[in-house]
Amino acid sequence: MNEPANGGDVERRDGISSGLAVGILILNLVIPGVGTLIAGPEYKQTGIYQLVLYVVGIVLSIILIGYLLVLGAWVWALVTSIEILKKAS
């Protein structure tokens, strides 16, 4: 008759599941920063910076410097996704 304090769940894990981490990686490959944003509050600021860098890069692609910004945002988001994937439980 004693129920667990967490409402009947067997065990609750903190962190990101490996399936979600793969989804985050795929999202970050398509649009840098979006996957990082959904990774949780600890990655929120990083995701915002990645997304802003990507959008600014898209706008500045007219004068060619934007391509470097887009590439930088994409690589940064990819590295962040790999870190999240490594931490996934």
Protein backbone atom coordinates (compact mmCIF):
# COMPACT_ATOMS: atom_id res chain seq x y z
CA MET A 1 0.00 0.00 0.00
CA ASN A 2 2.99 2.31 0.14
CA GLU A 3 3.22 4.16 -3.15
CA PRO A 4 6.40 5.86 -4.33
CA ALA A 5 6.55 9.60 -3.72
CA ASN A 6 6.84 10.30 -7.44
CA GLY A 7 3.28 9.17 -8.20
CA GLY A 8 3.82 5.54 -9.09
CA ASP A 9 6.73 5.85 -11.49
CA VAL A 10 9.26 3.09 -11.00
CA GLU A 11 12.25 5.38 -11.20
CA ARG A 12 12.67 8.81 -12.63
CA ARG A 13 15.91 9.74 -14.34
CA ASP A 14 17.18 13.25 -14.72
CA GLY A 15 18.79 14.15 -18.01
CA ILE A 16 18.10 13.61 -21.65
CA SER A 17 17.28 10.23 -23.16
CA SER A 18 19.44 8.96 -25.98
CA GLY A 19 16.49 9.13 -28.40
CA LEU A 20 15.94 12.80 -27.62
CA ALA A 21 19.67 13.45 -27.97
CA VAL A 22 19.60 11.98 -31.49
CA GLY A 23 16.60 14.19 -32.31
CA ILE A 24 18.50 17.20 -31.00
CA LEU A 25 21.45 16.31 -33.22
CA ILE A 26 19.23 16.02 -36.29
CA LEU A 27 17.48 19.33 -35.54
CA ASN A 28 20.81 21.07 -35.08
CA LEU A 29 22.02 19.72 -38.41
CA VAL A 30 19.00 21.26 -40.14
CA ILE A 31 18.67 24.55 -38.23
CA PRO A 32 21.53 25.30 -35.81
CA GLY A 33 20.35 26.20 -32.32
CA VAL A 34 16.84 24.76 -32.47
CA GLY A 35 17.87 21.38 -31.12
CA THR A 36 19.98 23.00 -28.44
CA LEU A 37 16.98 25.06 -27.32
CA ILE A 38 14.88 21.96 -26.69
CA ALA A 39 17.71 20.23 -24.81
CA GLY A 40 16.69 21.92 -21.59
CA PRO A 41 17.19 25.05 -19.52
CA GLU A 42 20.94 24.56 -19.09
CA TYR A 43 21.39 24.87 -22.87
CA LYS A 44 18.86 27.66 -23.47
CA GLN A 45 21.34 30.55 -23.68
CA THR A 46 23.69 28.61 -25.95
CA GLY A 47 20.79 27.68 -28.23
CA ILE A 48 19.67 31.29 -28.48
CA TYR A 49 23.19 32.43 -29.41
CA GLN A 50 23.49 29.68 -32.03
CA LEU A 51 20.14 30.52 -33.58
CA VAL A 52 20.84 34.28 -33.61
CA LEU A 53 24.26 33.69 -35.18
CA TYR A 54 22.63 31.51 -37.83
CA VAL A 55 19.90 34.05 -38.66
CA VAL A 56 22.38 36.95 -38.78
CA GLY A 57 24.58 34.83 -41.03
CA ILE A 58 21.67 34.15 -43.37
CA VAL A 59 20.94 37.88 -43.59
CA LEU A 60 24.61 38.76 -44.14
CA SER A 61 25.04 36.10 -46.81
CA ILE A 62 24.29 38.87 -49.28
CA ILE A 63 27.76 40.29 -48.62
CA LEU A 64 29.47 36.89 -48.34
CA ILE A 65 30.63 37.25 -44.71
CA GLY A 66 27.37 35.60 -43.67
CA TYR A 67 28.46 32.25 -45.06
CA LEU A 68 31.23 32.11 -42.45
CA LEU A 69 28.74 32.94 -39.70
CA VAL A 70 26.34 30.24 -40.90
CA LEU A 71 29.18 27.72 -41.00
CA GLY A 72 30.32 28.78 -37.53
CA ALA A 73 26.82 28.44 -36.08
CA TRP A 74 26.41 25.04 -37.72
CA VAL A 75 29.73 23.72 -36.37
CA TRP A 76 29.02 25.12 -32.89
CA ALA A 77 25.57 23.51 -32.84
CA LEU A 78 27.06 20.21 -34.04
CA VAL A 79 29.66 20.23 -31.25
CA THR A 80 26.98 21.06 -28.67
CA SER A 81 24.80 18.22 -30.02
CA ILE A 82 27.67 15.76 -29.68
CA GLU A 83 28.22 16.88 -26.06
CA ILE A 84 24.52 16.37 -25.34
CA LEU A 85 24.62 12.95 -27.02
CA LYS A 86 27.57 11.91 -24.85
CA LYS A 87 25.76 13.01 -21.67
CA ALA A 88 22.50 11.27 -22.65
CA SER A 89 21.37 8.47 -20.39
